[in-house]
Amino acid sequence: MAAGDIHTVPRGDRWANVFEDGDRLIVSAGTKETAARMGRELARLRGVRHVIHDRDDRADAVARGRDLVRG
């Protein structure tokens, strides 16, 4: 997995976008859909993958550009 990939993950009652290492919060949102939309755009701009997690924090889907691949 490329360094700098962006992950959309659950954080309490919100959803957050974090870098691959999980240490740096980029942005958070009230819904998974909003956070995923922001994360996908950030990943597109950075040229990295966007990994969307489920509520149990397991990787659920990976977006490469405009393609969404279910995991």
Foldseek 3Di string as FASTA:
>chain_A
DDFQEWEWADDVQKIFIDTPVRPDTDDIGNDLVVRQVVSLVVCLVVQHKYFYADNVRHGAWIDHNNDIGGD
